C-alpha atoms as a PDB file:
ATOM      1  CA  UNK A   1       0.000   0.000   0.000  1.00  0.00           C
ATOM      2  CA  UNK A   2       2.899   2.358   0.676  1.00  0.00           C
ATOM      3  CA  UNK A   3       4.172   2.270  -2.898  1.00  0.00           C
ATOM      4  CA  UNK A   4       0.776   3.252  -4.316  1.00  0.00           C
ATOM      5  CA  UNK A   5       0.399   6.149  -1.922  1.00  0.00           C
ATOM      6  CA  UNK A   6       3.903   7.342  -2.829  1.00  0.00           C
ATOM      7  CA  UNK A   7       2.944   7.234  -6.521  1.00  0.00           C
ATOM      8  CA  UNK A   8      -0.168   9.294  -5.811  1.00  0.00           C
ATOM      9  CA  UNK A   9       1.990  11.728  -3.829  1.00  0.00           C
ATOM     10  CA  UNK A  10       4.377  12.094  -6.790  1.00  0.00           C
ATOM     11  CA  UNK A  11       1.470  12.634  -9.188  1.00  0.00           C
ATOM     12  CA  UNK A  12       0.061  15.315  -6.888  1.00  0.00           C
ATOM     13  CA  UNK A  13       3.471  16.958  -6.607  1.00  0.00           C
ATOM     14  CA  UNK A  14       3.847  16.976 -10.415  1.00  0.00           C
ATOM     15  CA  UNK A  15       0.408  18.581 -10.756  1.00  0.00           C
ATOM     16  CA  UNK A  16       1.404  21.246  -8.229  1.00  0.00           C
ATOM     17  CA  UNK A  17       4.602  21.984 -10.141  1.00  0.00           C
ATOM     18  CA  UNK A  18       2.633  22.221 -13.384  1.00  0.00           C
ATOM     19  CA  UNK A  19       0.296  24.767 -11.804  1.00  0.00           C
ATOM     20  CA  UNK A  20       3.298  26.744 -10.536  1.00  0.00           C
ATOM     21  CA  UNK A  21       4.701  26.741 -14.066  1.00  0.00           C
ATOM     22  CA  UNK A  22       1.431  28.151 -15.381  1.00  0.00           C
ATOM     23  CA  UNK A  23       1.396  30.834 -12.701  1.00  0.00           C
ATOM     24  CA  UNK A  24       4.965  31.815 -13.605  1.00  0.00           C
ATOM     25  CA  UNK A  25       4.193  32.067 -17.319  1.00  0.00           C
ATOM     26  CA  UNK A  26       0.859  33.883 -17.025  1.00  0.00           C
ATOM     27  CA  UNK A  27       1.064  37.566 -16.164  1.00  0.00           C
ATOM     28  CA  UNK A  28      -2.388  37.890 -14.588  1.00  0.00           C
ATOM     29  CA  UNK A  29      -4.678  35.598 -12.660  1.00  0.00           C
ATOM     30  CA  UNK A  30      -7.241  35.882 -15.452  1.00  0.00           C
ATOM     31  CA  UNK A  31      -4.713  34.571 -17.966  1.00  0.00           C
ATOM     32  CA  UNK A  32      -3.772  31.710 -15.643  1.00  0.00           C
ATOM     33  CA  UNK A  33      -7.422  30.781 -15.130  1.00  0.00           C
ATOM     34  CA  UNK A  34      -7.912  30.836 -18.900  1.00  0.00           C
ATOM     35  CA  UNK A  35      -4.931  28.566 -19.579  1.00  0.00           C
ATOM     36  CA  UNK A  36      -5.671  26.032 -16.844  1.00  0.00           C
ATOM     37  CA  UNK A  37      -8.829  24.375 -18.322  1.00  0.00           C
ATOM     38  CA  UNK A  38      -7.072  23.789 -21.644  1.00  0.00           C
ATOM     39  CA  UNK A  39      -4.119  22.229 -19.865  1.00  0.00           C
ATOM     40  CA  UNK A  40      -6.363  20.003 -17.757  1.00  0.00           C
ATOM     41  CA  UNK A  41      -8.319  18.832 -20.800  1.00  0.00           C
ATOM     42  CA  UNK A  42      -5.026  18.039 -22.550  1.00  0.00           C
ATOM     43  CA  UNK A  43      -3.896  16.012 -19.536  1.00  0.00           C
ATOM     44  CA  UNK A  44      -7.205  14.153 -19.369  1.00  0.00           C
ATOM     45  CA  UNK A  45      -7.420  13.293 -23.065  1.00  0.00           C
ATOM     46  CA  UNK A  46      -3.781  12.336 -23.589  1.00  0.00           C
ATOM     47  CA  UNK A  47      -3.408  10.291 -20.404  1.00  0.00           C
ATOM     48  CA  UNK A  48      -4.591   7.242 -22.330  1.00  0.00           C
ATOM     49  CA  UNK A  49      -7.064   6.210 -19.652  1.00  0.00           C
ATOM     50  CA  UNK A  50     -10.302   7.257 -21.327  1.00  0.00           C
ATOM     51  CA  UNK A  51      -9.942   5.785 -24.796  1.00  0.00           C
ATOM     52  CA  UNK A  52      -7.378   4.413 -27.211  1.00  0.00           C
ATOM     53  CA  UNK A  53      -5.307   7.113 -28.871  1.00  0.00           C
ATOM     54  CA  UNK A  54      -4.650   6.889 -32.606  1.00  0.00           C
ATOM     55  CA  UNK A  55      -1.101   5.846 -33.455  1.00  0.00           C
ATOM     56  CA  UNK A  56      -0.165   9.171 -35.052  1.00  0.00           C
ATOM     57  CA  UNK A  57      -0.908  11.157 -31.878  1.00  0.00           C
ATOM     58  CA  UNK A  58       0.351   8.708 -29.259  1.00  0.00           C
ATOM     59  CA  UNK A  59       3.599  10.681 -29.150  1.00  0.00           C
ATOM     60  CA  UNK A  60       1.728  13.595 -27.591  1.00  0.00           C
ATOM     61  CA  UNK A  61       0.864  11.438 -24.599  1.00  0.00           C
ATOM     62  CA  UNK A  62       4.524  11.640 -23.579  1.00  0.00           C
ATOM     63  CA  UNK A  63       3.934  15.335 -22.858  1.00  0.00           C
ATOM     64  CA  UNK A  64       1.107  14.570 -20.460  1.00  0.00           C
ATOM     65  CA  UNK A  65       2.208  13.966 -16.886  1.00  0.00           C
ATOM     66  CA  UNK A  66      -0.922  11.956 -16.241  1.00  0.00           C
ATOM     67  CA  UNK A  67       0.104   9.254 -18.722  1.00  0.00           C
ATOM     68  CA  UNK A  68       3.104   8.357 -16.552  1.00  0.00           C
ATOM     69  CA  UNK A  69       0.934   8.353 -13.442  1.00  0.00           C
ATOM     70  CA  UNK A  70      -1.549   6.109 -15.221  1.00  0.00           C
ATOM     71  CA  UNK A  71       1.244   3.708 -16.192  1.00  0.00           C
ATOM     72  CA  UNK A  72       2.469   3.556 -12.606  1.00  0.00           C
ATOM     73  CA  UNK A  73      -0.912   3.035 -10.974  1.00  0.00           C
ATOM     74  CA  UNK A  74      -1.994   0.430 -13.542  1.00  0.00           C
ATOM     75  CA  UNK A  75       1.291  -1.462 -13.212  1.00  0.00           C
ATOM     76  CA  UNK A  76       1.028  -1.486  -9.422  1.00  0.00           C
ATOM     77  CA  UNK A  77      -2.596  -2.616  -9.533  1.00  0.00           C
ATOM     78  CA  UNK A  78      -1.707  -5.306 -12.124  1.00  0.00           C
ATOM     79  CA  UNK A  79      -4.603  -4.301 -14.383  1.00  0.00           C
ATOM     80  CA  UNK A  80      -3.523  -6.607 -17.195  1.00  0.00           C
ATOM     81  CA  UNK A  81      -4.241  -9.670 -15.060  1.00  0.00           C
ATOM     82  CA  UNK A  82      -7.518  -8.532 -13.501  1.00  0.00           C
ATOM     83  CA  UNK A  83     -10.775 -10.019 -14.791  1.00  0.00           C
ATOM     84  CA  UNK A  84     -12.653  -7.705 -17.136  1.00  0.00           C
ATOM     85  CA  UNK A  85     -15.647  -6.189 -15.382  1.00  0.00           C
ATOM     86  CA  UNK A  86     -16.826  -3.238 -17.464  1.00  0.00           C
ATOM     87  CA  UNK A  87     -16.788  -4.622 -20.977  1.00  0.00           C
ATOM     88  CA  UNK A  88     -14.221  -2.256 -22.501  1.00  0.00           C
ATOM     89  CA  UNK A  89     -10.475  -2.090 -22.548  1.00  0.00           C
ATOM     90  CA  UNK A  90      -8.116   0.762 -23.098  1.00  0.00           C
ATOM     91  CA  UNK A  91      -4.832   0.213 -24.881  1.00  0.00           C
ATOM     92  CA  UNK A  92      -1.911   2.273 -23.703  1.00  0.00           C
ATOM     93  CA  UNK A  93       1.688   2.327 -24.850  1.00  0.00           C
ATOM     94  CA  UNK A  94       2.730  -0.253 -22.238  1.00  0.00           C
ATOM     95  CA  UNK A  95      -0.128  -2.720 -22.636  1.00  0.00           C
ATOM     96  CA  UNK A  96      -3.860  -3.165 -22.259  1.00  0.00           C
ATOM     97  CA  UNK A  97      -5.438  -1.835 -19.103  1.00  0.00           C
ATOM     98  CA  UNK A  98      -8.757  -3.297 -18.178  1.00  0.00           C
ATOM     99  CA  UNK A  99     -10.672  -0.589 -16.429  1.00  0.00           C
END
């Protein structure tokens, strides 16, 4: 259990650092609040957890911090060997995760 909580801690820390980067780049709070939803949508879509990404844009998932967090959590939970419960699978660059 300790390893999973450490992974979640690292993912949270990376998200905090990403928000600090946005606040350093944006000159006003309005600009930061405008940039943040686009960045969050990018992280959500390119994490590889919602649906299978086409081959030509899978390279963009390397820019998303959430894709590495997804890899870690799914590897620790051993998702490839769990029985399928929902009826759909999601292919990621390191294997098939059954969600």
